[in-house]
Amino acid sequence: MSDTHLTPIEIGLTAAIVAIEDNEPAILTAAGGDGLTGLPFGPFDAVSHRTFEIGLRAWVEAQAGLRLGYVEQLYTFGDRGRHTEPGDTGAHIVSIGYLALTRPAEGARAPGATFEPWYRFFPWEDWRSAKPDIIERDIVPELTRWAAQDEAPEANRALGRKDRVRLYFGTEGAPWDEERVLDRYELLYEAGLVEEARRDGRPAALARRSWLPLGVSMRFDHRRVLATAIARLRAKLKYRPVVFELLPGEFTLTELQHTVEAISGRHLHKQNFRRLVEQGALVEPTGVVSTQTGGRPAALFRFRREVLQERPAPGLRVRGRR
C-alpha cells in the first residue's frame, strides 16, 4: 500500500444570487473578515443534505434570510491557485457554483448580506447608455501592450493574444458579444490587470509597476463565478423565460424591457422590443392598469405559462443598438 500523502478535498457551494433593484441587476454579497466582498458560500454537508442544491438552499436561507426560487448549477471551480495562498497545505476547496434568481422583497436579509449592482464588479459590461469609457481609456491600451509582448503561438489556445483581445473586447471592427463575460474577465486575469491576479501571485500581475482599478475585486475566485453566472443568464434570456423569475407577478412592458436591458447590458429599441414580445406570445394582459408608473397609466401584464408547452425555446432573442 502506498503511503503517499493525499491532499484532502472539501466541497464548497458558491451562489451567484441575482435580483433586480431599481432597474439595476444586483448580486447578493457577503462581507467577510478579510475586508473583501464575496458571494455567499458555505460547505456541503453530505450528512444533512441529500443533494448539493438542497444544501445550497438550506444555508442560503439560514445565512442570508432568502428563500431561493430558480436555481441552476453553473460549473465546478477547482483551480488550486485561485482559492488558496502560496505554500498552503490545507484542504483543497472545490467550489460548485450556482446561479439563483430571486426578488429582493422575498426575504429579510441577514446582517452583512446586501444586494450590490453587478456592474460595480464588471463596469465594462454595461452598454445600456453607451460604450463604457473604461474600455478604450484603460482596458484596450493595456491589453494591446500585453498582447504585443508575445508573438509566439500558444499551443494550448486556438486563438493568440491579439485575436482574443479583438474578439472579446470588440476592437478593430469586431462586434461586441455580450455573452463573452467570462472570456473577457479571464483575459484580464491572464494579462495581470485585475487585483485577483496579483493576489494569486500571477507573474503578469507581479511584473506590473502601476495599477488601474478595473472594477471591484472579490475574495477567492468569486468574480470568476459571477462572470460565469452573468454569461449564463445573458445567454439563457434568449431561449428560456428566466427573466420572469426576476419580475413581480404583474408588470408593465416598460418594466419588462428595463429588466431585459439590465441583464443583457444592451439598450433596446422600444417598438422593436414590444414587437418581439408580441410575436413571442410570452405575456398576456391582466386587464388592470397601473397608476404607479410616474407618468401615464400603463397596462399590466403577466407571464403566459402556456408558452412552455407550445414551443421548446421560449425566450427573448433581443438585439441591442450599437
C-alpha atoms as a PDB file:
ATOM      1  CA  MET A   1       0.000   0.000   0.000  1.00  0.00           C
ATOM      2  CA  SER A   2       1.332   3.404  -0.942  1.00  0.00           C
ATOM      3  CA  ASP A   3       1.976   5.861   1.895  1.00  0.00           C
ATOM      4  CA  THR A   4       1.789   8.868  -0.466  1.00  0.00           C
ATOM      5  CA  HIS A   5       0.198  11.822   1.284  1.00  0.00           C
ATOM      6  CA  LEU A   6      -3.039  12.856  -0.394  1.00  0.00           C
ATOM      7  CA  THR A   7      -4.324  16.404  -0.077  1.00  0.00           C
ATOM      8  CA  PRO A   8      -7.810  16.407   1.431  1.00  0.00           C
ATOM      9  CA  ILE A   9     -10.576  17.906  -0.639  1.00  0.00           C
ATOM     10  CA  GLU A  10     -13.533  19.882   0.665  1.00  0.00           C
ATOM     11  CA  ILE A  11     -16.628  20.679  -1.380  1.00  0.00           C
ATOM     12  CA  GLY A  12     -17.987  24.181  -1.125  1.00  0.00           C
ATOM     13  CA  LEU A  13     -21.098  25.729  -2.642  1.00  0.00           C
ATOM     14  CA  THR A  14     -20.955  29.272  -4.027  1.00  0.00           C
ATOM     15  CA  ALA A  15     -24.103  31.139  -5.026  1.00  0.00           C
ATOM     16  CA  ALA A  16     -24.490  33.995  -7.506  1.00  0.00           C
ATOM     17  CA  ILE A  17     -27.924  35.218  -6.379  1.00  0.00           C
ATOM     18  CA  VAL A  18     -29.377  37.759  -8.798  1.00  0.00           C
ATOM     19  CA  ALA A  19     -32.219  40.236  -8.317  1.00  0.00           C
ATOM     20  CA  ILE A  20     -33.345  43.474  -9.959  1.00  0.00           C
ATOM     21  CA  GLU A  21     -33.350  46.627  -7.823  1.00  0.00           C
ATOM     22  CA  ASP A  22     -34.336  49.980  -9.363  1.00  0.00           C
ATOM     23  CA  ASN A  23     -33.736  48.647 -12.881  1.00  0.00           C
ATOM     24  CA  GLU A  24     -30.228  47.503 -11.931  1.00  0.00           C
ATOM     25  CA  PRO A  25     -29.036  43.878 -11.912  1.00  0.00           C
ATOM     26  CA  ALA A  26     -27.909  43.217  -8.355  1.00  0.00           C
ATOM     27  CA  ILE A  27     -25.935  40.396  -6.812  1.00  0.00           C
ATOM     28  CA  LEU A  28     -26.169  39.277  -3.191  1.00  0.00           C
ATOM     29  CA  THR A  29     -22.829  39.808  -1.488  1.00  0.00           C
ATOM     30  CA  ALA A  30     -21.493  38.994   1.937  1.00  0.00           C
ATOM     31  CA  ALA A  31     -18.692  40.903   3.655  1.00  0.00           C
ATOM     32  CA  GLY A  32     -16.001  38.805   5.295  1.00  0.00           C
ATOM     33  CA  GLY A  33     -13.382  39.291   7.984  1.00  0.00           C
ATOM     34  CA  ASP A  34     -10.735  39.778   5.279  1.00  0.00           C
ATOM     35  CA  GLY A  35     -12.403  43.016   4.186  1.00  0.00           C
ATOM     36  CA  LEU A  36     -13.161  41.655   0.717  1.00  0.00           C
ATOM     37  CA  THR A  37     -16.571  41.404  -0.858  1.00  0.00           C
ATOM     38  CA  GLY A  38     -17.666  37.938  -1.860  1.00  0.00           C
ATOM     39  CA  LEU A  39     -20.572  35.794  -2.880  1.00  0.00           C
ATOM     40  CA  PRO A  40     -22.418  33.738  -0.264  1.00  0.00           C
ATOM     41  CA  PHE A  41     -20.684  30.403   0.108  1.00  0.00           C
ATOM     42  CA  GLY A  42     -20.585  27.501   2.505  1.00  0.00           C
ATOM     43  CA  PRO A  43     -19.607  23.842   2.819  1.00  0.00           C
ATOM     44  CA  PHE A  44     -21.622  20.922   1.549  1.00  0.00           C
ATOM     45  CA  ASP A  45     -22.745  18.711   4.417  1.00  0.00           C
ATOM     46  CA  ALA A  46     -23.249  15.231   2.975  1.00  0.00           C
ATOM     47  CA  VAL A  47     -24.832  14.033   6.215  1.00  0.00           C
ATOM     48  CA  SER A  48     -27.507  16.725   6.462  1.00  0.00           C
ATOM     49  CA  HIS A  49     -28.252  17.284   2.781  1.00  0.00           C
ATOM     50  CA  ARG A  50     -29.133  14.692   0.183  1.00  0.00           C
ATOM     51  CA  THR A  51     -28.124  16.864  -2.802  1.00  0.00           C
ATOM     52  CA  PHE A  52     -25.920  19.892  -3.479  1.00  0.00           C
ATOM     53  CA  GLU A  53     -28.959  22.010  -4.348  1.00  0.00           C
ATOM     54  CA  ILE A  54     -30.756  21.118  -1.124  1.00  0.00           C
ATOM     55  CA  GLY A  55     -27.627  22.096   0.793  1.00  0.00           C
ATOM     56  CA  LEU A  56     -27.334  25.363  -1.124  1.00  0.00           C
ATOM     57  CA  ARG A  57     -30.945  26.339  -0.472  1.00  0.00           C
ATOM     58  CA  ALA A  58     -30.668  25.454   3.223  1.00  0.00           C
ATOM     59  CA  TRP A  59     -27.610  27.516   4.082  1.00  0.00           C
ATOM     60  CA  VAL A  60     -28.614  30.487   1.899  1.00  0.00           C
ATOM     61  CA  GLU A  61     -31.889  30.659   3.820  1.00  0.00           C
ATOM     62  CA  ALA A  62     -30.052  30.285   7.137  1.00  0.00           C
ATOM     63  CA  GLN A  63     -27.217  32.733   6.388  1.00  0.00           C
ATOM     64  CA  ALA A  64     -28.846  35.315   4.116  1.00  0.00           C
ATOM     65  CA  GLY A  65     -32.503  35.034   5.060  1.00  0.00           C
ATOM     66  CA  LEU A  66     -33.533  34.315   1.467  1.00  0.00           C
ATOM     67  CA  ARG A  67     -35.674  31.574   0.013  1.00  0.00           C
ATOM     68  CA  LEU A  68     -34.391  30.868  -3.458  1.00  0.00           C
ATOM     69  CA  GLY A  69     -36.650  30.324  -6.444  1.00  0.00           C
ATOM     70  CA  TYR A  70     -34.922  29.437  -9.691  1.00  0.00           C
ATOM     71  CA  VAL A  71     -31.582  27.667  -9.162  1.00  0.00           C
ATOM     72  CA  GLU A  72     -29.220  26.014 -11.619  1.00  0.00           C
ATOM     73  CA  GLN A  73     -25.714  24.625 -11.336  1.00  0.00           C
ATOM     74  CA  LEU A  74     -23.082  26.579 -13.251  1.00  0.00           C
ATOM     75  CA  TYR A  75     -19.707  24.929 -13.119  1.00  0.00           C
ATOM     76  CA  THR A  76     -17.202  23.284 -10.794  1.00  0.00           C
ATOM     77  CA  PHE A  77     -14.322  25.606  -9.906  1.00  0.00           C
ATOM     78  CA  GLY A  78     -11.298  23.659  -8.724  1.00  0.00           C
ATOM     79  CA  ASP A  79      -8.123  25.595  -9.647  1.00  0.00           C
ATOM     80  CA  ARG A  80      -5.965  25.407  -6.545  1.00  0.00           C
ATOM     81  CA  GLY A  81      -4.065  28.625  -7.180  1.00  0.00           C
ATOM     82  CA  ARG A  82      -7.294  30.599  -7.189  1.00  0.00           C
ATOM     83  CA  HIS A  83      -8.638  29.609  -3.783  1.00  0.00           C
ATOM     84  CA  THR A  84      -5.573  29.438  -1.561  1.00  0.00           C
ATOM     85  CA  GLU A  85      -2.331  31.133  -0.609  1.00  0.00           C
ATOM     86  CA  PRO A  86       1.081  30.021  -1.934  1.00  0.00           C
ATOM     87  CA  GLY A  87       2.540  27.280   0.234  1.00  0.00           C
ATOM     88  CA  ASP A  88      -0.820  26.404   1.781  1.00  0.00           C
ATOM     89  CA  THR A  89      -1.019  22.687   2.622  1.00  0.00           C
ATOM     90  CA  GLY A  90      -4.578  22.684   3.899  1.00  0.00           C
ATOM     91  CA  ALA A  91      -7.576  21.059   2.283  1.00  0.00           C
ATOM     92  CA  HIS A  92      -8.149  21.893  -1.366  1.00  0.00           C
ATOM     93  CA  ILE A  93     -11.501  23.617  -1.880  1.00  0.00           C
ATOM     94  CA  VAL A  94     -13.551  22.505  -4.869  1.00  0.00           C
ATOM     95  CA  SER A  95     -16.357  25.003  -5.288  1.00  0.00           C
ATOM     96  CA  ILE A  96     -19.585  24.229  -7.139  1.00  0.00           C
ATOM     97  CA  GLY A  97     -21.060  27.461  -8.455  1.00  0.00           C
ATOM     98  CA  TYR A  98     -24.778  28.134  -8.745  1.00  0.00           C
ATOM     99  CA  LEU A  99     -26.922  30.767 -10.410  1.00  0.00           C
ATOM    100  CA  ALA A 100     -30.049  31.685  -8.465  1.00  0.00           C
ATOM    101  CA  LEU A 101     -32.760  34.226  -9.230  1.00  0.00           C
ATOM    102  CA  THR A 102     -34.871  35.947  -6.614  1.00  0.00           C
ATOM    103  CA  ARG A 103     -36.710  39.144  -5.761  1.00  0.00           C
ATOM    104  CA  PRO A 104     -35.223  41.372  -3.045  1.00  0.00           C
ATOM    105  CA  ALA A 105     -38.504  41.714  -1.138  1.00  0.00           C
ATOM    106  CA  GLU A 106     -38.983  37.960  -0.801  1.00  0.00           C
ATOM    107  CA  GLY A 107     -36.938  37.635   2.375  1.00  0.00           C
ATOM    108  CA  ALA A 108     -35.421  39.551   5.254  1.00  0.00           C
ATOM    109  CA  ARG A 109     -31.695  39.661   4.631  1.00  0.00           C
ATOM    110  CA  ALA A 110     -29.305  38.681   7.356  1.00  0.00           C
ATOM    111  CA  PRO A 111     -26.755  41.198   8.714  1.00  0.00           C
ATOM    112  CA  GLY A 112     -23.833  41.601   6.328  1.00  0.00           C
ATOM    113  CA  ALA A 113     -25.788  40.342   3.316  1.00  0.00           C
ATOM    114  CA  THR A 114     -26.630  43.043   0.796  1.00  0.00           C
ATOM    115  CA  PHE A 115     -27.509  43.364  -2.879  1.00  0.00           C
ATOM    116  CA  GLU A 116     -24.980  45.328  -4.933  1.00  0.00           C
ATOM    117  CA  PRO A 117     -25.118  46.287  -8.644  1.00  0.00           C
ATOM    118  CA  TRP A 118     -23.121  43.717 -10.555  1.00  0.00           C
ATOM    119  CA  TYR A 119     -21.705  46.397 -12.849  1.00  0.00           C
ATOM    120  CA  ARG A 120     -19.598  47.565  -9.878  1.00  0.00           C
ATOM    121  CA  PHE A 121     -17.578  44.398 -10.457  1.00  0.00           C
ATOM    122  CA  PHE A 122     -17.747  44.479 -14.292  1.00  0.00           C
ATOM    123  CA  PRO A 123     -18.062  48.144 -15.374  1.00  0.00           C
ATOM    124  CA  TRP A 124     -17.029  47.318 -18.954  1.00  0.00           C
ATOM    125  CA  GLU A 125     -20.147  45.145 -19.397  1.00  0.00           C
ATOM    126  CA  ASP A 126     -22.791  47.914 -19.166  1.00  0.00           C
ATOM    127  CA  TRP A 127     -23.522  49.259 -22.672  1.00  0.00           C
ATOM    128  CA  ARG A 128     -27.059  50.492 -21.972  1.00  0.00           C
ATOM    129  CA  SER A 129     -26.212  54.180 -22.350  1.00  0.00           C
ATOM    130  CA  ALA A 130     -23.066  53.961 -24.478  1.00  0.00           C
ATOM    131  CA  LYS A 131     -19.831  52.038 -24.849  1.00  0.00           C
ATOM    132  CA  PRO A 132     -18.164  52.287 -21.419  1.00  0.00           C
ATOM    133  CA  ASP A 133     -15.259  54.751 -21.382  1.00  0.00           C
ATOM    134  CA  ILE A 134     -13.143  52.310 -19.375  1.00  0.00           C
ATOM    135  CA  ILE A 135     -12.732  50.055 -22.425  1.00  0.00           C
ATOM    136  CA  GLU A 136     -10.914  52.495 -24.710  1.00  0.00           C
ATOM    137  CA  ARG A 137      -9.347  54.554 -21.921  1.00  0.00           C
ATOM    138  CA  ASP A 138      -7.877  51.798 -19.760  1.00  0.00           C
ATOM    139  CA  ILE A 139      -8.518  48.246 -20.905  1.00  0.00           C
ATOM    140  CA  VAL A 140      -7.684  48.180 -24.621  1.00  0.00           C
ATOM    141  CA  PRO A 141      -4.347  50.075 -24.311  1.00  0.00           C
ATOM    142  CA  GLU A 142      -3.167  47.743 -21.533  1.00  0.00           C
ATOM    143  CA  LEU A 143      -4.307  44.602 -23.334  1.00  0.00           C
ATOM    144  CA  THR A 144      -2.715  45.799 -26.580  1.00  0.00           C
ATOM    145  CA  ARG A 145       0.639  46.291 -24.852  1.00  0.00           C
ATOM    146  CA  TRP A 146       0.344  42.878 -23.193  1.00  0.00           C
ATOM    147  CA  ALA A 147      -0.597  41.152 -26.460  1.00  0.00           C
ATOM    148  CA  ALA A 148       2.395  42.685 -28.239  1.00  0.00           C
ATOM    149  CA  GLN A 149       4.833  41.209 -25.718  1.00  0.00           C
ATOM    150  CA  ASP A 150       4.466  37.667 -27.034  1.00  0.00           C
ATOM    151  CA  GLU A 151       4.001  36.972 -30.716  1.00  0.00           C
ATOM    152  CA  ALA A 152       4.657  33.231 -30.376  1.00  0.00           C
ATOM    153  CA  PRO A 153       1.602  30.994 -30.878  1.00  0.00           C
ATOM    154  CA  GLU A 154       0.247  29.339 -27.742  1.00  0.00           C
ATOM    155  CA  ALA A 155      -0.074  25.593 -28.198  1.00  0.00           C
ATOM    156  CA  ASN A 156      -2.929  25.253 -25.709  1.00  0.00           C
ATOM    157  CA  ARG A 157      -5.071  28.005 -27.257  1.00  0.00           C
ATOM    158  CA  ALA A 158      -6.845  28.173 -30.603  1.00  0.00           C
ATOM    159  CA  LEU A 159      -6.532  31.974 -30.664  1.00  0.00           C
ATOM    160  CA  GLY A 160      -3.500  34.138 -29.963  1.00  0.00           C
ATOM    161  CA  ARG A 161      -3.481  37.127 -27.655  1.00  0.00           C
ATOM    162  CA  LYS A 162      -4.217  39.742 -30.301  1.00  0.00           C
ATOM    163  CA  ASP A 163      -7.134  37.768 -31.706  1.00  0.00           C
ATOM    164  CA  ARG A 164      -8.651  37.277 -28.268  1.00  0.00           C
ATOM    165  CA  VAL A 165      -8.390  40.989 -27.484  1.00  0.00           C
ATOM    166  CA  ARG A 166     -10.091  41.815 -30.790  1.00  0.00           C
ATOM    167  CA  LEU A 167     -12.882  39.239 -30.461  1.00  0.00           C
ATOM    168  CA  TYR A 168     -13.612  39.564 -26.756  1.00  0.00           C
ATOM    169  CA  PHE A 169     -13.495  43.369 -26.493  1.00  0.00           C
ATOM    170  CA  GLY A 170     -14.801  44.213 -29.967  1.00  0.00           C
ATOM    171  CA  THR A 171     -11.764  46.080 -31.274  1.00  0.00           C
ATOM    172  CA  GLU A 172     -10.797  46.632 -34.934  1.00  0.00           C
ATOM    173  CA  GLY A 173     -14.433  46.450 -36.027  1.00  0.00           C
ATOM    174  CA  ALA A 174     -15.270  43.163 -34.327  1.00  0.00           C
ATOM    175  CA  PRO A 175     -18.791  43.066 -32.823  1.00  0.00           C
ATOM    176  CA  TRP A 176     -19.362  43.141 -29.075  1.00  0.00           C
ATOM    177  CA  ASP A 177     -20.742  39.810 -27.868  1.00  0.00           C
ATOM    178  CA  GLU A 178     -22.475  40.351 -24.520  1.00  0.00           C
ATOM    179  CA  GLU A 179     -22.268  36.634 -23.684  1.00  0.00           C
ATOM    180  CA  ARG A 180     -18.435  36.604 -23.515  1.00  0.00           C
ATOM    181  CA  VAL A 181     -18.369  37.913 -19.939  1.00  0.00           C
ATOM    182  CA  LEU A 182     -16.175  35.098 -18.640  1.00  0.00           C
ATOM    183  CA  ASP A 183     -13.819  35.250 -21.643  1.00  0.00           C
ATOM    184  CA  ARG A 184     -13.245  38.958 -21.025  1.00  0.00           C
ATOM    185  CA  TYR A 185     -12.606  38.526 -17.315  1.00  0.00           C
ATOM    186  CA  GLU A 186     -10.255  35.582 -17.910  1.00  0.00           C
ATOM    187  CA  LEU A 187      -8.297  37.655 -20.435  1.00  0.00           C
ATOM    188  CA  LEU A 188      -7.903  40.496 -17.935  1.00  0.00           C
ATOM    189  CA  TYR A 189      -6.796  37.963 -15.323  1.00  0.00           C
ATOM    190  CA  GLU A 190      -4.278  36.349 -17.668  1.00  0.00           C
ATOM    191  CA  ALA A 191      -2.864  39.787 -18.541  1.00  0.00           C
ATOM    192  CA  GLY A 192      -2.499  40.577 -14.845  1.00  0.00           C
ATOM    193  CA  LEU A 193      -4.887  43.531 -14.971  1.00  0.00           C
ATOM    194  CA  VAL A 194      -7.252  42.599 -12.143  1.00  0.00           C
ATOM    195  CA  GLU A 195      -6.463  42.567  -8.432  1.00  0.00           C
ATOM    196  CA  GLU A 196      -7.255  38.856  -8.134  1.00  0.00           C
ATOM    197  CA  ALA A 197      -4.315  38.029 -10.436  1.00  0.00           C
ATOM    198  CA  ARG A 198      -1.899  39.923  -8.191  1.00  0.00           C
ATOM    199  CA  ARG A 199      -3.369  38.319  -5.095  1.00  0.00           C
ATOM    200  CA  ASP A 200      -2.911  34.875  -6.676  1.00  0.00           C
ATOM    201  CA  GLY A 201       0.738  35.641  -7.500  1.00  0.00           C
ATOM    202  CA  ARG A 202       0.375  35.547 -11.281  1.00  0.00           C
ATOM    203  CA  PRO A 203       3.635  36.621 -12.992  1.00  0.00           C
ATOM    204  CA  ALA A 204       1.942  39.077 -15.384  1.00  0.00           C
ATOM    205  CA  ALA A 205       0.396  40.882 -12.422  1.00  0.00           C
ATOM    206  CA  LEU A 206       3.523  40.897 -10.269  1.00  0.00           C
ATOM    207  CA  ALA A 207       5.519  42.383 -13.149  1.00  0.00           C
ATOM    208  CA  ARG A 208       3.274  45.459 -13.278  1.00  0.00           C
ATOM    209  CA  ARG A 209       4.520  48.678 -11.682  1.00  0.00           C
ATOM    210  CA  SER A 210       1.199  50.512 -11.693  1.00  0.00           C
ATOM    211  CA  TRP A 211      -2.433  49.518 -11.305  1.00  0.00           C
ATOM    212  CA  LEU A 212      -5.742  50.740 -12.652  1.00  0.00           C
ATOM    213  CA  PRO A 213      -8.942  49.923 -10.771  1.00  0.00           C
ATOM    214  CA  LEU A 214     -10.813  47.616 -13.149  1.00  0.00           C
ATOM    215  CA  GLY A 215     -13.969  47.022 -11.168  1.00  0.00           C
ATOM    216  CA  VAL A 216     -14.271  45.937  -7.546  1.00  0.00           C
ATOM    217  CA  SER A 217     -12.323  42.774  -6.747  1.00  0.00           C
ATOM    218  CA  MET A 218     -13.841  39.862  -4.822  1.00  0.00           C
ATOM    219  CA  ARG A 219     -12.474  37.219  -2.487  1.00  0.00           C
ATOM    220  CA  PHE A 220     -11.139  33.905  -3.775  1.00  0.00           C
ATOM    221  CA  ASP A 221     -12.377  33.285  -7.343  1.00  0.00           C
ATOM    222  CA  HIS A 222     -15.826  34.735  -6.719  1.00  0.00           C
ATOM    223  CA  ARG A 223     -15.590  37.289  -9.531  1.00  0.00           C
ATOM    224  CA  ARG A 224     -14.902  34.406 -11.890  1.00  0.00           C
ATOM    225  CA  VAL A 225     -18.014  32.632 -10.582  1.00  0.00           C
ATOM    226  CA  LEU A 226     -20.027  35.824 -11.032  1.00  0.00           C
ATOM    227  CA  ALA A 227     -18.743  36.274 -14.599  1.00  0.00           C
ATOM    228  CA  THR A 228     -19.873  32.725 -15.361  1.00  0.00           C
ATOM    229  CA  ALA A 229     -23.307  33.454 -13.886  1.00  0.00           C
ATOM    230  CA  ILE A 230     -23.771  36.673 -15.880  1.00  0.00           C
ATOM    231  CA  ALA A 231     -22.750  34.957 -19.126  1.00  0.00           C
ATOM    232  CA  ARG A 232     -25.132  32.064 -18.444  1.00  0.00           C
ATOM    233  CA  LEU A 233     -28.052  34.359 -17.645  1.00  0.00           C
ATOM    234  CA  ARG A 234     -27.454  36.571 -20.688  1.00  0.00           C
ATOM    235  CA  ALA A 235     -27.434  33.523 -22.940  1.00  0.00           C
ATOM    236  CA  LYS A 236     -30.471  31.994 -21.270  1.00  0.00           C
ATOM    237  CA  LEU A 237     -32.599  35.097 -21.822  1.00  0.00           C
ATOM    238  CA  LYS A 238     -32.716  34.149 -25.490  1.00  0.00           C
ATOM    239  CA  TYR A 239     -34.145  30.654 -25.150  1.00  0.00           C
ATOM    240  CA  ARG A 240     -35.756  30.393 -21.699  1.00  0.00           C
ATOM    241  CA  PRO A 241     -38.280  32.715 -19.963  1.00  0.00           C
ATOM    242  CA  VAL A 242     -35.997  33.182 -16.951  1.00  0.00           C
ATOM    243  CA  VAL A 243     -36.484  36.957 -16.944  1.00  0.00           C
ATOM    244  CA  PHE A 244     -39.913  36.458 -15.384  1.00  0.00           C
ATOM    245  CA  GLU A 245     -38.280  34.958 -12.281  1.00  0.00           C
ATOM    246  CA  LEU A 246     -36.946  38.465 -11.592  1.00  0.00           C
ATOM    247  CA  LEU A 247     -40.229  40.306 -12.056  1.00  0.00           C
ATOM    248  CA  PRO A 248     -43.336  40.525  -9.857  1.00  0.00           C
ATOM    249  CA  GLY A 249     -46.371  38.517 -10.918  1.00  0.00           C
ATOM    250  CA  GLU A 250     -47.776  41.550 -12.734  1.00  0.00           C
ATOM    251  CA  PHE A 251     -45.639  44.100 -14.553  1.00  0.00           C
ATOM    252  CA  THR A 252     -45.689  46.725 -17.295  1.00  0.00           C
ATOM    253  CA  LEU A 253     -43.948  46.207 -20.631  1.00  0.00           C
ATOM    254  CA  THR A 254     -41.577  49.034 -19.693  1.00  0.00           C
ATOM    255  CA  GLU A 255     -40.572  47.143 -16.530  1.00  0.00           C
ATOM    256  CA  LEU A 256     -40.020  44.019 -18.620  1.00  0.00           C
ATOM    257  CA  GLN A 257     -37.847  45.937 -21.097  1.00  0.00           C
ATOM    258  CA  HIS A 258     -35.781  47.578 -18.373  1.00  0.00           C
ATOM    259  CA  THR A 259     -35.169  44.188 -16.765  1.00  0.00           C
ATOM    260  CA  VAL A 260     -34.008  42.630 -20.041  1.00  0.00           C
ATOM    261  CA  GLU A 261     -31.773  45.655 -20.697  1.00  0.00           C
ATOM    262  CA  ALA A 262     -30.308  45.463 -17.194  1.00  0.00           C
ATOM    263  CA  ILE A 263     -29.324  41.816 -17.584  1.00  0.00           C
ATOM    264  CA  SER A 264     -28.090  41.980 -21.175  1.00  0.00           C
ATOM    265  CA  GLY A 265     -26.276  45.304 -20.793  1.00  0.00           C
ATOM    266  CA  ARG A 266     -27.887  46.439 -24.049  1.00  0.00           C
ATOM    267  CA  HIS A 267     -30.128  49.361 -24.923  1.00  0.00           C
ATOM    268  CA  LEU A 268     -33.206  48.081 -26.763  1.00  0.00           C
ATOM    269  CA  HIS A 269     -35.404  49.926 -29.203  1.00  0.00           C
ATOM    270  CA  LYS A 270     -38.827  50.248 -27.561  1.00  0.00           C
ATOM    271  CA  GLN A 271     -41.021  49.400 -30.536  1.00  0.00           C
ATOM    272  CA  ASN A 272     -38.797  46.546 -31.711  1.00  0.00           C
ATOM    273  CA  PHE A 273     -38.792  45.093 -28.219  1.00  0.00           C
ATOM    274  CA  ARG A 274     -42.574  45.231 -27.923  1.00  0.00           C
ATOM    275  CA  ARG A 275     -42.944  43.644 -31.334  1.00  0.00           C
ATOM    276  CA  LEU A 276     -40.619  40.839 -30.220  1.00  0.00           C
ATOM    277  CA  VAL A 277     -42.641  40.277 -27.041  1.00  0.00           C
ATOM    278  CA  GLU A 278     -45.872  40.203 -29.019  1.00  0.00           C
ATOM    279  CA  GLN A 279     -44.505  37.759 -31.585  1.00  0.00           C
ATOM    280  CA  GLY A 280     -43.189  35.511 -28.847  1.00  0.00           C
ATOM    281  CA  ALA A 281     -46.574  35.395 -27.092  1.00  0.00           C
ATOM    282  CA  LEU A 282     -44.740  35.369 -23.764  1.00  0.00           C
ATOM    283  CA  VAL A 283     -47.129  37.654 -21.890  1.00  0.00           C
ATOM    284  CA  GLU A 284     -50.833  38.332 -21.642  1.00  0.00           C
ATOM    285  CA  PRO A 285     -52.728  41.391 -20.378  1.00  0.00           C
ATOM    286  CA  THR A 286     -54.299  41.234 -16.928  1.00  0.00           C
ATOM    287  CA  GLY A 287     -56.962  43.776 -17.751  1.00  0.00           C
ATOM    288  CA  VAL A 288     -55.631  46.018 -14.986  1.00  0.00           C
ATOM    289  CA  VAL A 289     -53.930  49.397 -15.409  1.00  0.00           C
ATOM    290  CA  SER A 290     -51.133  50.635 -13.138  1.00  0.00           C
ATOM    291  CA  THR A 291     -51.059  54.249 -11.992  1.00  0.00           C
ATOM    292  CA  GLN A 292     -47.739  53.824 -10.158  1.00  0.00           C
ATOM    293  CA  THR A 293     -45.582  54.459 -13.215  1.00  0.00           C
ATOM    294  CA  GLY A 294     -44.862  58.144 -12.574  1.00  0.00           C
ATOM    295  CA  GLY A 295     -46.452  59.036 -15.892  1.00  0.00           C
ATOM    296  CA  ARG A 296     -49.417  57.910 -17.905  1.00  0.00           C
ATOM    297  CA  PRO A 297     -51.259  54.802 -16.638  1.00  0.00           C
ATOM    298  CA  ALA A 298     -49.822  51.615 -18.136  1.00  0.00           C
ATOM    299  CA  ALA A 299     -51.365  48.222 -18.752  1.00  0.00           C
ATOM    300  CA  LEU A 300     -50.210  45.361 -16.549  1.00  0.00           C
ATOM    301  CA  PHE A 301     -49.183  42.021 -17.991  1.00  0.00           C
ATOM    302  CA  ARG A 302     -48.254  38.596 -16.649  1.00  0.00           C
ATOM    303  CA  PHE A 303     -46.168  35.713 -17.952  1.00  0.00           C
ATOM    304  CA  ARG A 304     -48.213  33.384 -20.146  1.00  0.00           C
ATOM    305  CA  ARG A 305     -47.184  29.952 -18.845  1.00  0.00           C
ATOM    306  CA  GLU A 306     -48.850  28.075 -21.690  1.00  0.00           C
ATOM    307  CA  VAL A 307     -45.906  29.077 -23.885  1.00  0.00           C
ATOM    308  CA  LEU A 308     -43.795  26.452 -22.099  1.00  0.00           C
ATOM    309  CA  GLN A 309     -45.911  23.710 -23.690  1.00  0.00           C
ATOM    310  CA  GLU A 310     -46.220  25.424 -27.057  1.00  0.00           C
ATOM    311  CA  ARG A 311     -42.573  25.522 -28.106  1.00  0.00           C
ATOM    312  CA  PRO A 312     -39.222  24.235 -26.846  1.00  0.00           C
ATOM    313  CA  ALA A 313     -37.262  27.504 -26.562  1.00  0.00           C
ATOM    314  CA  PRO A 314     -39.459  30.417 -25.470  1.00  0.00           C
ATOM    315  CA  GLY A 315     -37.131  33.339 -24.900  1.00  0.00           C
ATOM    316  CA  LEU A 316     -36.382  36.899 -25.999  1.00  0.00           C
ATOM    317  CA  ARG A 317     -33.833  36.971 -28.818  1.00  0.00           C
ATOM    318  CA  VAL A 318     -33.065  40.618 -28.318  1.00  0.00           C
ATOM    319  CA  ARG A 319     -30.670  42.702 -30.388  1.00  0.00           C
ATOM    320  CA  GLY A 320     -29.382  45.946 -28.991  1.00  0.00           C
ATOM    321  CA  ARG A 321     -28.343  49.135 -30.758  1.00  0.00           C
ATOM    322  CA  ARG A 322     -24.620  49.804 -31.219  1.00  0.00           C
END
